[in-house]
Amino acid sequence: MNIGLFFGSFNPIHVGHLIIANYIANHKNVDQVWLVVSPQNPLKQANSLLNEYHRLHLVASAIDENSRVKASDIEFKLPKPSYTIDTLTYLSEKYPQHTFSVIIGSDSFQNIQRWKNFEKLLETYKIWVYVRPGHEAENKYNGDIEILKGPLLDISASYIRSLIQSKKSIQYLIPDKARFEIENNNYYL
């Protein structure tokens, strides 16, 4: 199987993430897109994250019954913080029958030289870079890198968290099942 790995904190997941996952699933040579919930991104503050199992549950709730998009806790089993190259190495060894590609935003791609063993990542795996507003992408590296201009919404998890903290509605920004979980459990307040 060809699997696209969309790594993220998903703090919380929102419709922008789902639009990207769905676009990749429908327009690229993949059988599934795995939303890999990162317990701790080494480039983000850990104390700003909702518990990883709560975030995983929100992702699973958001994707509901989409057979082409899966929630993945694979990084929960690996040392923290999570490094993409380590996760890919682990997955490639555990599932040699699968081919893995990486889906990242242009904001992350602009900082890829800060990633652990980024050269190996670029020379070993296909990378799909979706362009986010305000973060143009330029491929100045060797490797199988494709810049995508798919449908996007200019929203972010930090924006959604600020709405929640201001007690404003997040309806339509997060799928209802995940939104109900956030509201019923007072996440991000």
N, C-alpha and C. Protein backbone atom coordinates (compact mmCIF):
# COMPACT_ATOMS: atom_id res chain seq x y z
N MET A 1 0.83 -1.18 0.00
CA MET A 1 0.00 0.00 0.00
C MET A 1 0.87 1.24 0.00
N ASN A 2 0.40 2.26 -0.68
CA ASN A 2 1.04 3.58 -0.63
C ASN A 2 0.33 4.40 0.44
N ILE A 3 1.11 4.88 1.39
CA ILE A 3 0.53 5.59 2.52
C ILE A 3 1.16 6.97 2.64
N GLY A 4 0.31 8.00 2.68
CA GLY A 4 0.76 9.36 2.92
C GLY A 4 0.67 9.63 4.41
N LEU A 5 1.76 10.08 4.99
CA LEU A 5 1.82 10.38 6.42
C LEU A 5 1.72 11.88 6.63
N PHE A 6 0.66 12.28 7.30
CA PHE A 6 0.44 13.69 7.61
C PHE A 6 0.69 13.83 9.11
N PHE A 7 1.88 14.32 9.46
CA PHE A 7 2.29 14.47 10.84
C PHE A 7 1.75 15.78 11.40
N GLY A 8 1.40 15.77 12.67
CA GLY A 8 0.98 17.02 13.28
C GLY A 8 0.65 16.86 14.74
N SER A 9 0.62 17.99 15.42
CA SER A 9 0.17 18.00 16.81
C SER A 9 -1.35 17.84 16.85
N PHE A 10 -2.03 18.37 15.82
CA PHE A 10 -3.49 18.32 15.76
C PHE A 10 -4.06 18.78 17.10
N ASN A 11 -3.74 20.02 17.43
CA ASN A 11 -4.00 20.57 18.76
C ASN A 11 -4.94 21.77 18.71
N PRO A 12 -6.18 21.63 18.25
CA PRO A 12 -6.90 20.43 17.84
C PRO A 12 -6.92 20.27 16.31
N ILE A 13 -7.38 19.10 15.89
CA ILE A 13 -7.61 18.88 14.46
C ILE A 13 -8.74 19.81 14.02
N HIS A 14 -8.69 20.25 12.76
CA HIS A 14 -9.74 21.11 12.23
C HIS A 14 -9.99 20.78 10.76
N VAL A 15 -10.99 21.43 10.19
CA VAL A 15 -11.38 21.10 8.81
C VAL A 15 -10.27 21.40 7.82
N GLY A 16 -9.38 22.33 8.12
CA GLY A 16 -8.25 22.58 7.23
C GLY A 16 -7.37 21.35 7.09
N HIS A 17 -7.09 20.66 8.20
CA HIS A 17 -6.31 19.42 8.15
C HIS A 17 -7.03 18.37 7.30
N LEU A 18 -8.34 18.27 7.50
CA LEU A 18 -9.12 17.24 6.81
C LEU A 18 -9.21 17.52 5.31
N ILE A 19 -9.29 18.79 4.93
CA ILE A 19 -9.31 19.13 3.52
C ILE A 19 -8.01 18.70 2.85
N ILE A 20 -6.89 18.92 3.52
CA ILE A 20 -5.59 18.51 2.97
C ILE A 20 -5.51 17.00 2.86
N ALA A 21 -5.89 16.28 3.92
CA ALA A 21 -5.85 14.81 3.89
C ALA A 21 -6.73 14.27 2.78
N ASN A 22 -7.92 14.84 2.65
CA ASN A 22 -8.84 14.38 1.61
C ASN A 22 -8.30 14.69 0.21
N TYR A 23 -7.69 15.86 0.05
CA TYR A 23 -7.10 16.23 -1.25
C TYR A 23 -6.01 15.22 -1.64
N ILE A 24 -5.13 14.92 -0.72
CA ILE A 24 -4.05 13.95 -1.01
C ILE A 24 -4.66 12.58 -1.33
N ALA A 25 -5.63 12.14 -0.53
CA ALA A 25 -6.25 10.83 -0.75
C ALA A 25 -6.91 10.75 -2.13
N ASN A 26 -7.48 11.85 -2.60
CA ASN A 26 -8.20 11.84 -3.87
C ASN A 26 -7.36 12.17 -5.09
N HIS A 27 -6.24 12.89 -4.92
CA HIS A 27 -5.50 13.39 -6.08
C HIS A 27 -4.09 12.85 -6.22
N LYS A 28 -3.61 12.10 -5.25
CA LYS A 28 -2.25 11.58 -5.32
C LYS A 28 -2.28 10.06 -5.26
N ASN A 29 -1.18 9.45 -5.59
CA ASN A 29 -1.10 8.00 -5.65
C ASN A 29 -0.92 7.42 -4.24
N VAL A 30 -2.00 7.48 -3.45
CA VAL A 30 -1.98 6.89 -2.12
C VAL A 30 -3.25 6.06 -1.91
N ASP A 31 -3.09 5.01 -1.13
CA ASP A 31 -4.24 4.20 -0.76
C ASP A 31 -4.90 4.74 0.52
N GLN A 32 -4.05 5.27 1.41
CA GLN A 32 -4.54 5.84 2.65
C GLN A 32 -3.68 7.03 3.05
N VAL A 33 -4.27 7.91 3.84
CA VAL A 33 -3.55 8.99 4.50
C VAL A 33 -3.67 8.72 6.00
N TRP A 34 -2.52 8.64 6.67
CA TRP A 34 -2.51 8.46 8.12
C TRP A 34 -2.23 9.81 8.76
N LEU A 35 -3.11 10.23 9.65
CA LEU A 35 -2.89 11.43 10.44
C LEU A 35 -2.11 11.00 11.68
N VAL A 36 -0.82 11.28 11.67
CA VAL A 36 0.08 10.83 12.73
C VAL A 36 0.11 11.89 13.83
N VAL A 37 -0.51 11.57 14.94
CA VAL A 37 -0.56 12.50 16.07
C VAL A 37 0.80 12.46 16.77
N SER A 38 1.47 13.60 16.77
CA SER A 38 2.80 13.70 17.40
C SER A 38 2.62 14.06 18.87
N PRO A 39 3.08 13.19 19.78
CA PRO A 39 2.94 13.49 21.20
C PRO A 39 3.71 14.74 21.60
N GLN A 40 4.91 14.89 21.00
CA GLN A 40 5.71 16.07 21.31
C GLN A 40 6.57 16.42 20.11
N ASN A 41 6.23 17.51 19.46
CA ASN A 41 7.04 18.04 18.37
C ASN A 41 8.24 18.74 18.99
N PRO A 42 9.47 18.40 18.55
CA PRO A 42 10.63 19.02 19.17
C PRO A 42 10.73 20.52 18.93
N LEU A 43 9.95 21.04 17.98
CA LEU A 43 9.99 22.48 17.70
C LEU A 43 8.84 23.24 18.34
N LYS A 44 8.05 22.56 19.21
CA LYS A 44 6.93 23.21 19.88
C LYS A 44 7.01 22.99 21.38
N GLN A 45 6.39 23.88 22.13
CA GLN A 45 6.34 23.76 23.59
C GLN A 45 5.39 22.63 23.97
N ALA A 46 5.89 21.68 24.74
CA ALA A 46 5.06 20.53 25.15
C ALA A 46 3.91 20.95 26.06
N ASN A 47 4.11 21.97 26.88
CA ASN A 47 3.07 22.34 27.84
C ASN A 47 1.87 23.02 27.19
N SER A 48 1.95 23.34 25.91
CA SER A 48 0.81 23.96 25.22
C SER A 48 -0.09 22.92 24.56
N LEU A 49 0.27 21.64 24.69
CA LEU A 49 -0.47 20.58 24.02
C LEU A 49 -1.48 19.91 24.93
N LEU A 50 -2.66 19.65 24.39
CA LEU A 50 -3.63 18.80 25.07
C LEU A 50 -3.02 17.40 25.14
N ASN A 51 -3.40 16.62 26.12
CA ASN A 51 -2.91 15.25 26.27
C ASN A 51 -2.98 14.51 24.93
N GLU A 52 -1.94 13.76 24.61
CA GLU A 52 -1.85 13.09 23.30
C GLU A 52 -3.01 12.13 23.04
N TYR A 53 -3.49 11.43 24.06
CA TYR A 53 -4.60 10.49 23.85
C TYR A 53 -5.91 11.23 23.59
N HIS A 54 -6.08 12.39 24.20
CA HIS A 54 -7.25 13.22 23.90
C HIS A 54 -7.18 13.72 22.45
N ARG A 55 -5.98 14.15 22.02
CA ARG A 55 -5.83 14.63 20.64
C ARG A 55 -6.07 13.50 19.65
N LEU A 56 -5.57 12.30 19.95
CA LEU A 56 -5.80 11.14 19.09
C LEU A 56 -7.30 10.85 18.98
N HIS A 57 -7.99 10.89 20.12
CA HIS A 57 -9.43 10.64 20.11
C HIS A 57 -10.17 11.70 19.28
N LEU A 58 -9.74 12.95 19.39
CA LEU A 58 -10.35 14.01 18.58
C LEU A 58 -10.13 13.76 17.09
N VAL A 59 -8.93 13.32 16.72
CA VAL A 59 -8.64 13.00 15.31
C VAL A 59 -9.54 11.86 14.84
N ALA A 60 -9.62 10.80 15.64
CA ALA A 60 -10.47 9.65 15.27
C ALA A 60 -11.93 10.08 15.15
N SER A 61 -12.39 10.94 16.05
CA SER A 61 -13.76 11.43 15.98
C SER A 61 -13.99 12.28 14.73
N ALA A 62 -13.00 13.08 14.39
CA ALA A 62 -13.13 14.00 13.24
C ALA A 62 -13.21 13.25 11.91
N ILE A 63 -12.43 12.18 11.78
CA ILE A 63 -12.42 11.47 10.49
C ILE A 63 -13.54 10.46 10.38
N ASP A 64 -14.12 10.10 11.51
CA ASP A 64 -15.30 9.25 11.57
C ASP A 64 -15.10 7.97 10.77
N GLU A 65 -15.84 7.79 9.71
CA GLU A 65 -15.84 6.51 8.99
C GLU A 65 -15.14 6.60 7.63
N ASN A 66 -14.22 7.51 7.46
CA ASN A 66 -13.51 7.64 6.19
C ASN A 66 -12.47 6.54 6.10
N SER A 67 -12.65 5.60 5.20
CA SER A 67 -11.75 4.45 5.10
C SER A 67 -10.39 4.82 4.50
N ARG A 68 -10.29 5.98 3.89
CA ARG A 68 -9.02 6.38 3.26
C ARG A 68 -8.15 7.21 4.19
N VAL A 69 -8.72 7.68 5.30
CA VAL A 69 -7.98 8.51 6.25
C VAL A 69 -8.04 7.82 7.61
N LYS A 70 -6.87 7.63 8.24
CA LYS A 70 -6.77 6.92 9.51
C LYS A 70 -6.06 7.78 10.55
N ALA A 71 -6.44 7.60 11.80
CA ALA A 71 -5.72 8.22 12.92
C ALA A 71 -4.61 7.26 13.33
N SER A 72 -3.42 7.79 13.56
CA SER A 72 -2.28 6.95 13.93
C SER A 72 -1.64 7.43 15.22
N ASP A 73 -1.40 6.46 16.11
CA ASP A 73 -0.70 6.73 17.37
C ASP A 73 0.72 6.17 17.34
N ILE A 74 1.26 5.93 16.17
CA ILE A 74 2.55 5.26 16.04
C ILE A 74 3.66 5.97 16.84
N GLU A 75 3.62 7.28 16.91
CA GLU A 75 4.67 8.00 17.63
C GLU A 75 4.53 7.89 19.15
N PHE A 76 3.38 7.42 19.63
CA PHE A 76 3.21 7.23 21.08
C PHE A 76 4.15 6.13 21.59
N LYS A 77 4.52 5.21 20.69
CA LYS A 77 5.34 4.07 21.06
C LYS A 77 6.84 4.35 20.91
N LEU A 78 7.17 5.51 20.40
CA LEU A 78 8.57 5.86 20.11
C LEU A 78 9.08 6.87 21.13
N PRO A 79 10.42 7.01 21.24
CA PRO A 79 10.96 8.00 22.18
C PRO A 79 10.49 9.41 21.84
N LYS A 80 10.37 10.21 22.90
CA LYS A 80 9.97 11.61 22.74
C LYS A 80 11.19 12.49 22.95
N PRO A 81 11.29 13.61 22.27
CA PRO A 81 10.33 14.12 21.29
C PRO A 81 10.33 13.30 20.01
N SER A 82 9.33 13.53 19.19
CA SER A 82 9.14 12.78 17.95
C SER A 82 9.94 13.42 16.82
N TYR A 83 10.73 12.60 16.16
CA TYR A 83 11.47 13.05 14.98
C TYR A 83 10.95 12.28 13.77
N THR A 84 10.58 13.00 12.74
CA THR A 84 9.96 12.40 11.56
C THR A 84 10.82 11.28 10.97
N ILE A 85 12.10 11.49 10.86
CA ILE A 85 12.97 10.47 10.25
C ILE A 85 12.98 9.20 11.08
N ASP A 86 12.93 9.31 12.40
CA ASP A 86 12.89 8.12 13.26
C ASP A 86 11.58 7.36 13.08
N THR A 87 10.49 8.10 12.99
CA THR A 87 9.19 7.46 12.78
C THR A 87 9.15 6.76 11.43
N LEU A 88 9.67 7.42 10.39
CA LEU A 88 9.68 6.80 9.06
C LEU A 88 10.56 5.56 9.03
N THR A 89 11.70 5.61 9.69
CA THR A 89 12.58 4.44 9.75
C THR A 89 11.86 3.28 10.44
N TYR A 90 11.22 3.58 11.56
CA TYR A 90 10.47 2.56 12.29
C TYR A 90 9.36 1.96 11.42
N LEU A 91 8.56 2.83 10.78
CA LEU A 91 7.46 2.35 9.94
C LEU A 91 7.96 1.52 8.75
N SER A 92 9.04 1.96 8.13
CA SER A 92 9.59 1.24 6.98
C SER A 92 10.09 -0.14 7.37
N GLU A 93 10.62 -0.26 8.59
CA GLU A 93 11.07 -1.57 9.08
C GLU A 93 9.89 -2.44 9.50
N LYS A 94 8.90 -1.84 10.15
CA LYS A 94 7.75 -2.60 10.64
C LYS A 94 6.81 -3.02 9.51
N TYR A 95 6.67 -2.18 8.49
CA TYR A 95 5.77 -2.44 7.37
C TYR A 95 6.53 -2.36 6.04
N PRO A 96 7.44 -3.30 5.79
CA PRO A 96 8.23 -3.22 4.55
C PRO A 96 7.38 -3.35 3.28
N GLN A 97 6.17 -3.86 3.42
CA GLN A 97 5.28 -4.01 2.26
C GLN A 97 4.65 -2.68 1.83
N HIS A 98 4.76 -1.65 2.67
CA HIS A 98 4.16 -0.35 2.37
C HIS A 98 5.22 0.64 1.89
N THR A 99 4.76 1.61 1.12
CA THR A 99 5.58 2.75 0.72
C THR A 99 5.03 3.97 1.43
N PHE A 100 5.93 4.74 2.05
CA PHE A 100 5.49 5.90 2.83
C PHE A 100 5.95 7.19 2.17
N SER A 101 5.07 8.18 2.21
CA SER A 101 5.37 9.54 1.75
C SER A 101 5.00 10.48 2.88
N VAL A 102 5.56 11.69 2.84
CA VAL A 102 5.34 12.67 3.90
C VAL A 102 4.56 13.86 3.34
N ILE A 103 3.57 14.29 4.10
CA ILE A 103 2.75 15.45 3.76
C ILE A 103 3.06 16.53 4.78
N ILE A 104 3.56 17.69 4.31
CA ILE A 104 3.86 18.78 5.24
C ILE A 104 3.41 20.10 4.65
N GLY A 105 3.20 21.05 5.51
CA GLY A 105 2.84 22.39 5.08
C GLY A 105 4.09 23.17 4.68
N SER A 106 3.87 24.19 3.87
CA SER A 106 5.00 25.00 3.41
C SER A 106 5.67 25.73 4.57
N ASP A 107 4.93 26.01 5.65
CA ASP A 107 5.54 26.63 6.82
C ASP A 107 6.57 25.70 7.45
N SER A 108 6.25 24.42 7.54
CA SER A 108 7.20 23.43 8.07
C SER A 108 8.34 23.20 7.08
N PHE A 109 8.01 23.18 5.80
CA PHE A 109 9.03 22.94 4.78
C PHE A 109 10.10 24.04 4.79
N GLN A 110 9.69 25.26 5.12
CA GLN A 110 10.65 26.35 5.19
C GLN A 110 11.70 26.12 6.28
N ASN A 111 11.36 25.30 7.27
CA ASN A 111 12.28 25.01 8.37
C ASN A 111 12.87 23.60 8.31
N ILE A 112 12.74 22.94 7.19
CA ILE A 112 13.12 21.53 7.14
C ILE A 112 14.61 21.30 7.44
N GLN A 113 15.45 22.29 7.17
CA GLN A 113 16.87 22.12 7.47
C GLN A 113 17.13 22.02 8.97
N ARG A 114 16.14 22.36 9.81
CA ARG A 114 16.26 22.22 11.26
C ARG A 114 15.84 20.83 11.74
N TRP A 115 15.27 20.02 10.84
CA TRP A 115 14.80 18.69 11.20
C TRP A 115 15.97 17.73 11.33
N LYS A 116 15.84 16.77 12.21
CA LYS A 116 16.86 15.74 12.39
C LYS A 116 17.03 14.96 11.08
N ASN A 117 18.28 14.84 10.63
CA ASN A 117 18.63 14.08 9.42
C ASN A 117 17.74 14.41 8.22
N PHE A 118 17.49 15.71 8.03
CA PHE A 118 16.58 16.11 6.95
C PHE A 118 17.09 15.69 5.58
N GLU A 119 18.41 15.61 5.40
CA GLU A 119 18.95 15.19 4.09
C GLU A 119 18.51 13.76 3.77
N LYS A 120 18.58 12.87 4.77
CA LYS A 120 18.16 11.48 4.56
C LYS A 120 16.67 11.41 4.27
N LEU A 121 15.90 12.21 4.97
CA LEU A 121 14.46 12.27 4.75
C LEU A 121 14.17 12.64 3.30
N LEU A 122 14.85 13.70 2.81
CA LEU A 122 14.60 14.18 1.45
C LEU A 122 15.07 13.22 0.38
N GLU A 123 16.12 12.48 0.66
CA GLU A 123 16.62 11.56 -0.37
C GLU A 123 15.93 10.20 -0.35
N THR A 124 15.21 9.88 0.73
CA THR A 124 14.62 8.55 0.87
C THR A 124 13.11 8.52 0.63
N TYR A 125 12.42 9.62 0.93
CA TYR A 125 10.95 9.60 0.90
C TYR A 125 10.39 10.69 -0.01
N LYS A 126 9.24 10.38 -0.60
CA LYS A 126 8.49 11.38 -1.37
C LYS A 126 7.93 12.39 -0.38
N ILE A 127 8.02 13.67 -0.73
CA ILE A 127 7.51 14.74 0.13
C ILE A 127 6.48 15.54 -0.66
N TRP A 128 5.28 15.67 -0.11
CA TRP A 128 4.27 16.56 -0.66
C TRP A 128 4.20 17.78 0.24
N VAL A 129 4.39 18.94 -0.34
CA VAL A 129 4.35 20.19 0.40
C VAL A 129 3.12 20.96 -0.05
N TYR A 130 2.19 21.15 0.86
CA TYR A 130 1.02 21.95 0.51
C TYR A 130 1.28 23.39 0.95
N VAL A 131 0.98 24.29 0.07
CA VAL A 131 1.27 25.70 0.29
C VAL A 131 0.23 26.29 1.24
N ARG A 132 0.72 26.84 2.34
CA ARG A 132 -0.15 27.52 3.31
C ARG A 132 -0.07 29.02 3.08
N PRO A 133 -1.17 29.73 3.32
CA PRO A 133 -1.17 31.18 3.11
C PRO A 133 -0.03 31.86 3.88
N GLY A 134 0.69 32.72 3.17
CA GLY A 134 1.77 33.46 3.80
C GLY A 134 3.09 32.70 3.89
N HIS A 135 3.13 31.49 3.36
CA HIS A 135 4.34 30.66 3.43
C HIS A 135 4.59 30.01 2.07
N GLU A 136 5.14 30.79 1.17
CA GLU A 136 5.43 30.24 -0.16
C GLU A 136 6.48 29.14 -0.04
N ALA A 137 6.44 28.19 -0.96
CA ALA A 137 7.37 27.06 -0.94
C ALA A 137 8.21 27.07 -2.20
N GLU A 138 9.48 26.82 -2.01
CA GLU A 138 10.41 26.71 -3.12
C GLU A 138 11.24 25.45 -2.90
N ASN A 139 11.30 24.62 -3.94
CA ASN A 139 12.08 23.39 -3.83
C ASN A 139 13.52 23.68 -4.19
N LYS A 140 14.35 23.86 -3.18
CA LYS A 140 15.77 24.10 -3.41
C LYS A 140 16.61 22.91 -2.97
N TYR A 141 15.97 21.75 -2.85
CA TYR A 141 16.64 20.54 -2.39
C TYR A 141 16.56 19.47 -3.45
N ASN A 142 17.48 18.53 -3.38
CA ASN A 142 17.37 17.33 -4.20
C ASN A 142 16.39 16.40 -3.52
N GLY A 143 15.66 15.66 -4.28
CA GLY A 143 14.71 14.72 -3.72
C GLY A 143 13.41 14.75 -4.47
N ASP A 144 12.53 13.82 -4.12
CA ASP A 144 11.22 13.70 -4.75
C ASP A 144 10.24 14.58 -3.98
N ILE A 145 10.23 15.86 -4.33
CA ILE A 145 9.43 16.86 -3.62
C ILE A 145 8.44 17.48 -4.61
N GLU A 146 7.18 17.51 -4.21
CA GLU A 146 6.15 18.11 -5.05
C GLU A 146 5.44 19.20 -4.26
N ILE A 147 5.39 20.38 -4.84
CA ILE A 147 4.69 21.51 -4.22
C ILE A 147 3.24 21.47 -4.70
N LEU A 148 2.29 21.45 -3.75
CA LEU A 148 0.87 21.34 -4.07
C LEU A 148 0.14 22.64 -3.78
N LYS A 149 -0.75 22.98 -4.66
CA LYS A 149 -1.61 24.14 -4.43
C LYS A 149 -3.04 23.63 -4.44
N GLY A 150 -3.38 22.85 -3.44
CA GLY A 150 -4.73 22.32 -3.29
C GLY A 150 -5.60 23.30 -2.54
N PRO A 151 -6.85 22.93 -2.31
CA PRO A 151 -7.76 23.81 -1.58
C PRO A 151 -7.31 23.95 -0.13
N LEU A 152 -7.32 25.16 0.38
CA LEU A 152 -6.90 25.43 1.75
C LEU A 152 -7.84 26.42 2.42
N LEU A 153 -7.89 26.33 3.73
CA LEU A 153 -8.57 27.34 4.53
C LEU A 153 -7.51 28.03 5.37
N ASP A 154 -7.63 29.30 5.51
CA ASP A 154 -6.65 30.05 6.31
C ASP A 154 -7.09 30.05 7.77
N ILE A 155 -7.02 28.85 8.37
CA ILE A 155 -7.31 28.71 9.80
C ILE A 155 -6.17 27.90 10.42
N SER A 156 -6.05 28.00 11.71
CA SER A 156 -5.00 27.27 12.41
C SER A 156 -5.54 26.78 13.74
N ALA A 157 -4.84 25.80 14.29
CA ALA A 157 -5.22 25.27 15.60
C ALA A 157 -5.08 26.36 16.67
N SER A 158 -4.07 27.20 16.54
CA SER A 158 -3.91 28.27 17.55
C SER A 158 -5.09 29.26 17.49
N TYR A 159 -5.57 29.54 16.29
CA TYR A 159 -6.75 30.41 16.15
C TYR A 159 -7.96 29.77 16.83
N ILE A 160 -8.14 28.47 16.60
CA ILE A 160 -9.27 27.76 17.20
C ILE A 160 -9.15 27.75 18.73
N ARG A 161 -7.94 27.52 19.24
CA ARG A 161 -7.74 27.55 20.70
C ARG A 161 -8.08 28.94 21.26
N SER A 162 -7.72 29.99 20.51
CA SER A 162 -8.02 31.34 21.00
C SER A 162 -9.52 31.60 21.01
N LEU A 163 -10.25 31.06 20.03
CA LEU A 163 -11.71 31.18 20.04
C LEU A 163 -12.30 30.47 21.26
N ILE A 164 -11.82 29.28 21.53
CA ILE A 164 -12.32 28.51 22.68
C ILE A 164 -12.06 29.27 23.97
N GLN A 165 -10.85 29.80 24.11
CA GLN A 165 -10.49 30.52 25.33
C GLN A 165 -11.29 31.81 25.49
N SER A 166 -11.73 32.37 24.36
CA SER A 166 -12.57 33.57 24.39
C SER A 166 -14.06 33.23 24.46
N LYS A 167 -14.34 31.91 24.57
CA LYS A 167 -15.71 31.42 24.64
C LYS A 167 -16.54 31.80 23.41
N LYS A 168 -15.89 31.72 22.25
CA LYS A 168 -16.56 31.96 20.98
C LYS A 168 -16.77 30.63 20.26
N SER A 169 -17.68 30.61 19.33
CA SER A 169 -18.04 29.38 18.64
C SER A 169 -16.93 28.88 17.71
N ILE A 170 -16.76 27.56 17.72
CA ILE A 170 -15.84 26.91 16.77
C ILE A 170 -16.62 26.03 15.80
N GLN A 171 -17.94 26.22 15.79
CA GLN A 171 -18.77 25.45 14.88
C GLN A 171 -18.32 25.69 13.45
N TYR A 172 -18.32 24.65 12.66
CA TYR A 172 -17.92 24.62 11.25
C TYR A 172 -16.40 24.62 11.06
N LEU A 173 -15.64 24.91 12.09
CA LEU A 173 -14.17 24.87 11.98
C LEU A 173 -13.63 23.49 12.33
N ILE A 174 -14.40 22.76 13.13
CA ILE A 174 -14.03 21.42 13.59
C ILE A 174 -15.23 20.52 13.34
N PRO A 175 -15.03 19.31 12.83
CA PRO A 175 -16.18 18.41 12.65
C PRO A 175 -16.96 18.26 13.97
N ASP A 176 -18.27 18.12 13.85
CA ASP A 176 -19.14 18.15 15.02
C ASP A 176 -18.75 17.15 16.12
N LYS A 177 -18.43 15.91 15.74
CA LYS A 177 -18.10 14.93 16.78
C LYS A 177 -16.90 15.39 17.61
N ALA A 178 -15.87 15.91 16.97
CA ALA A 178 -14.70 16.40 17.69
C ALA A 178 -15.05 17.66 18.48
N ARG A 179 -15.86 18.52 17.90
CA ARG A 179 -16.27 19.75 18.59
C ARG A 179 -17.03 19.42 19.86
N PHE A 180 -17.94 18.45 19.79
CA PHE A 180 -18.70 18.06 20.99
C PHE A 180 -17.76 17.54 22.07
N GLU A 181 -16.74 16.77 21.69
CA GLU A 181 -15.76 16.27 22.66
C GLU A 181 -15.03 17.43 23.33
N ILE A 182 -14.63 18.40 22.54
CA ILE A 182 -13.91 19.56 23.08
C ILE A 182 -14.81 20.32 24.05
N GLU A 183 -16.04 20.57 23.63
CA GLU A 183 -16.96 21.35 24.47
C GLU A 183 -17.37 20.59 25.73
N ASN A 184 -17.67 19.30 25.60
CA ASN A 184 -18.12 18.52 26.75
C ASN A 184 -17.02 18.29 27.78
N ASN A 185 -15.77 18.32 27.34
CA ASN A 185 -14.65 18.07 28.25
C ASN A 185 -13.90 19.35 28.64
N ASN A 186 -14.40 20.49 28.16
CA ASN A 186 -13.75 21.78 28.45
C ASN A 186 -12.29 21.82 28.06
N TYR A 187 -11.97 21.19 26.93
CA TYR A 187 -10.58 21.23 26.44
C TYR A 187 -10.22 22.65 26.01
N TYR A 188 -9.00 23.03 26.24
CA TYR A 188 -8.39 24.30 25.81
C TYR A 188 -8.90 25.51 26.55
N LEU A 189 -9.64 25.33 27.64
CA LEU A 189 -10.11 26.50 28.41
C LEU A 189 -9.09 26.97 29.40
